């Protein structure tokens, strides 16, 4: 399991989801953290 990330996004609402997706598309290792079971 990778424990080193380039970007850590807290909150998987619309802004957090887009930030995580954009970073991942650019090849960065991303951790997206959300307290609920569903994102959005």
PDB file of N, CA and C in Angstrom:
ATOM      1  N   UNK A   1       0.842  -1.186   0.000  1.00  0.00           N
ATOM      2  CA  UNK A   1       0.000   0.000   0.000  1.00  0.00           C
ATOM      3  C   UNK A   1       0.881   1.242   0.000  1.00  0.00           C
ATOM      4  N   UNK A   2       0.573   2.161  -0.883  1.00  0.00           N
ATOM      5  CA  UNK A   2       1.325   3.412  -0.976  1.00  0.00           C
ATOM      6  C   UNK A   2       0.931   4.343   0.166  1.00  0.00           C
ATOM      7  N   UNK A   3       1.907   4.837   0.891  1.00  0.00           N
ATOM      8  CA  UNK A   3       1.614   5.792   1.959  1.00  0.00           C
ATOM      9  C   UNK A   3       2.234   7.152   1.680  1.00  0.00           C
ATOM     10  N   UNK A   4       2.805   7.318   0.496  1.00  0.00           N
ATOM     11  CA  UNK A   4       3.356   8.609   0.082  1.00  0.00           C
ATOM     12  C   UNK A   4       2.492   9.160  -1.040  1.00  0.00           C
ATOM     13  N   UNK A   5       1.968  10.347  -0.847  1.00  0.00           N
ATOM     14  CA  UNK A   5       1.081  10.954  -1.826  1.00  0.00           C
ATOM     15  C   UNK A   5       1.609  12.324  -2.213  1.00  0.00           C
ATOM     16  N   UNK A   6       1.358  12.694  -3.461  1.00  0.00           N
ATOM     17  CA  UNK A   6       1.706  14.035  -3.924  1.00  0.00           C
ATOM     18  C   UNK A   6       0.660  15.040  -3.463  1.00  0.00           C
ATOM     19  N   UNK A   7      -0.596  14.585  -3.431  1.00  0.00           N
ATOM     20  CA  UNK A   7      -1.717  15.462  -3.080  1.00  0.00           C
ATOM     21  C   UNK A   7      -2.654  14.708  -2.146  1.00  0.00           C
ATOM     22  N   UNK A   8      -3.091  15.363  -1.082  1.00  0.00           N
ATOM     23  CA  UNK A   8      -4.128  14.818  -0.205  1.00  0.00           C
ATOM     24  C   UNK A   8      -5.282  15.805  -0.215  1.00  0.00           C
ATOM     25  N   UNK A   9      -6.457  15.325  -0.624  1.00  0.00           N
ATOM     26  CA  UNK A   9      -7.651  16.167  -0.703  1.00  0.00           C
ATOM     27  C   UNK A   9      -8.595  15.739   0.410  1.00  0.00           C
ATOM     28  N   UNK A  10      -8.991  16.692   1.238  1.00  0.00           N
ATOM     29  CA  UNK A  10      -9.922  16.420   2.331  1.00  0.00           C
ATOM     30  C   UNK A  10     -11.305  16.913   1.913  1.00  0.00           C
ATOM     31  N   UNK A  11     -12.233  15.986   1.772  1.00  0.00           N
ATOM     32  CA  UNK A  11     -13.594  16.329   1.366  1.00  0.00           C
ATOM     33  C   UNK A  11     -13.831  15.960  -0.084  1.00  0.00           C
ATOM     34  N   UNK A  12     -14.817  15.115  -0.317  1.00  0.00           N
ATOM     35  CA  UNK A  12     -15.106  14.624  -1.659  1.00  0.00           C
ATOM     36  C   UNK A  12     -16.366  15.254  -2.236  1.00  0.00           C
ATOM     37  N   UNK A  13     -16.602  16.509  -1.882  1.00  0.00           N
ATOM     38  CA  UNK A  13     -17.689  17.246  -2.515  1.00  0.00           C
ATOM     39  C   UNK A  13     -17.298  17.584  -3.944  1.00  0.00           C
ATOM     40  N   UNK A  14     -18.074  18.407  -4.613  1.00  0.00           N
ATOM     41  CA  UNK A  14     -17.773  18.733  -6.012  1.00  0.00           C
ATOM     42  C   UNK A  14     -16.362  19.290  -6.223  1.00  0.00           C
ATOM     43  N   UNK A  15     -15.944  20.215  -5.379  1.00  0.00           N
ATOM     44  CA  UNK A  15     -14.614  20.812  -5.535  1.00  0.00           C
ATOM     45  C   UNK A  15     -13.493  19.836  -5.243  1.00  0.00           C
ATOM     46  N   UNK A  16     -13.633  19.083  -4.161  1.00  0.00           N
ATOM     47  CA  UNK A  16     -12.614  18.106  -3.803  1.00  0.00           C
ATOM     48  C   UNK A  16     -12.495  16.992  -4.824  1.00  0.00           C
ATOM     49  N   UNK A  17     -13.625  16.540  -5.326  1.00  0.00           N
ATOM     50  CA  UNK A  17     -13.616  15.482  -6.335  1.00  0.00           C
ATOM     51  C   UNK A  17     -12.922  15.944  -7.610  1.00  0.00           C
ATOM     52  N   UNK A  18     -13.220  17.158  -8.030  1.00  0.00           N
ATOM     53  CA  UNK A  18     -12.588  17.690  -9.242  1.00  0.00           C
ATOM     54  C   UNK A  18     -11.098  17.915  -9.032  1.00  0.00           C
ATOM     55  N   UNK A  19     -10.712  18.396  -7.860  1.00  0.00           N
ATOM     56  CA  UNK A  19      -9.292  18.604  -7.574  1.00  0.00           C
ATOM     57  C   UNK A  19      -8.545  17.275  -7.599  1.00  0.00           C
ATOM     58  N   UNK A  20      -9.114  16.254  -6.978  1.00  0.00           N
ATOM     59  CA  UNK A  20      -8.477  14.940  -6.948  1.00  0.00           C
ATOM     60  C   UNK A  20      -8.387  14.342  -8.348  1.00  0.00           C
ATOM     61  N   UNK A  21      -9.440  14.471  -9.115  1.00  0.00           N
ATOM     62  CA  UNK A  21      -9.448  13.924 -10.476  1.00  0.00           C
ATOM     63  C   UNK A  21      -8.421  14.621 -11.351  1.00  0.00           C
ATOM     64  N   UNK A  22      -8.383  15.940 -11.273  1.00  0.00           N
ATOM     65  CA  UNK A  22      -7.435  16.700 -12.085  1.00  0.00           C
ATOM     66  C   UNK A  22      -6.000  16.330 -11.736  1.00  0.00           C
ATOM     67  N   UNK A  23      -5.701  16.232 -10.455  1.00  0.00           N
ATOM     68  CA  UNK A  23      -4.350  15.863 -10.030  1.00  0.00           C
ATOM     69  C   UNK A  23      -3.994  14.455 -10.506  1.00  0.00           C
ATOM     70  N   UNK A  24      -4.931  13.523 -10.390  1.00  0.00           N
ATOM     71  CA  UNK A  24      -4.680  12.148 -10.825  1.00  0.00           C
ATOM     72  C   UNK A  24      -4.464  12.083 -12.333  1.00  0.00           C
ATOM     73  N   UNK A  25      -5.237  12.841 -13.093  1.00  0.00           N
ATOM     74  CA  UNK A  25      -5.077  12.865 -14.546  1.00  0.00           C
ATOM     75  C   UNK A  25      -3.713  13.411 -14.959  1.00  0.00           C
ATOM     76  N   UNK A  26      -3.124  14.241 -14.119  1.00  0.00           N
ATOM     77  CA  UNK A  26      -1.796  14.795 -14.392  1.00  0.00           C
ATOM     78  C   UNK A  26      -0.678  13.875 -13.908  1.00  0.00           C
ATOM     79  N   UNK A  27      -1.051  12.698 -13.401  1.00  0.00           N
ATOM     80  CA  UNK A  27      -0.067  11.702 -13.009  1.00  0.00           C
ATOM     81  C   UNK A  27       0.384  11.757 -11.565  1.00  0.00           C
ATOM     82  N   UNK A  28      -0.288  12.556 -10.752  1.00  0.00           N
ATOM     83  CA  UNK A  28       0.078  12.651  -9.343  1.00  0.00           C
ATOM     84  C   UNK A  28      -0.591  11.538  -8.541  1.00  0.00           C
ATOM     85  N   UNK A  29       0.057  11.116  -7.463  1.00  0.00           N
ATOM     86  CA  UNK A  29      -0.540  10.150  -6.539  1.00  0.00           C
ATOM     87  C   UNK A  29      -1.443  10.916  -5.583  1.00  0.00           C
ATOM     88  N   UNK A  30      -2.725  10.531  -5.554  1.00  0.00           N
ATOM     89  CA  UNK A  30      -3.736  11.299  -4.828  1.00  0.00           C
ATOM     90  C   UNK A  30      -4.411  10.433  -3.772  1.00  0.00           C
ATOM     91  N   UNK A  31      -4.624  11.017  -2.603  1.00  0.00           N
ATOM     92  CA  UNK A  31      -5.453  10.414  -1.559  1.00  0.00           C
ATOM     93  C   UNK A  31      -6.644  11.337  -1.362  1.00  0.00           C
ATOM     94  N   UNK A  32      -7.849  10.804  -1.557  1.00  0.00           N
ATOM     95  CA  UNK A  32      -9.083  11.562  -1.368  1.00  0.00           C
ATOM     96  C   UNK A  32      -9.768  11.031  -0.113  1.00  0.00           C
ATOM     97  N   UNK A  33      -9.968  11.897   0.879  1.00  0.00           N
ATOM     98  CA  UNK A  33     -10.532  11.498   2.170  1.00  0.00           C
ATOM     99  C   UNK A  33     -11.929  12.103   2.315  1.00  0.00           C
ATOM    100  N   UNK A  34     -12.903  11.261   2.631  1.00  0.00           N
ATOM    101  CA  UNK A  34     -14.281  11.707   2.834  1.00  0.00           C
ATOM    102  C   UNK A  34     -14.831  10.992   4.059  1.00  0.00           C
ATOM    103  N   UNK A  35     -15.523  11.715   4.923  1.00  0.00           N
ATOM    104  CA  UNK A  35     -16.047  11.096   6.144  1.00  0.00           C
ATOM    105  C   UNK A  35     -17.300  10.264   5.895  1.00  0.00           C
ATOM    106  N   UNK A  36     -18.004  10.532   4.834  1.00  0.00           N
ATOM    107  CA  UNK A  36     -19.215   9.768   4.518  1.00  0.00           C
ATOM    108  C   UNK A  36     -18.884   8.627   3.562  1.00  0.00           C
ATOM    109  N   UNK A  37     -19.828   7.714   3.376  1.00  0.00           N
ATOM    110  CA  UNK A  37     -19.607   6.575   2.488  1.00  0.00           C
ATOM    111  C   UNK A  37     -19.780   6.945   1.022  1.00  0.00           C
ATOM    112  N   UNK A  38     -20.501   8.016   0.748  1.00  0.00           N
ATOM    113  CA  UNK A  38     -20.734   8.435  -0.631  1.00  0.00           C
ATOM    114  C   UNK A  38     -20.027   9.748  -0.895  1.00  0.00           C
ATOM    115  N   UNK A  39     -19.556   9.911  -2.121  1.00  0.00           N
ATOM    116  CA  UNK A  39     -18.924  11.173  -2.487  1.00  0.00           C
ATOM    117  C   UNK A  39     -19.929  12.045  -3.220  1.00  0.00           C
ATOM    118  N   UNK A  40     -19.623  13.334  -3.286  1.00  0.00           N
ATOM    119  CA  UNK A  40     -20.487  14.252  -4.024  1.00  0.00           C
ATOM    120  C   UNK A  40     -21.217  15.142  -3.186  1.00  0.00           C
TER     121      UNK A  40
END
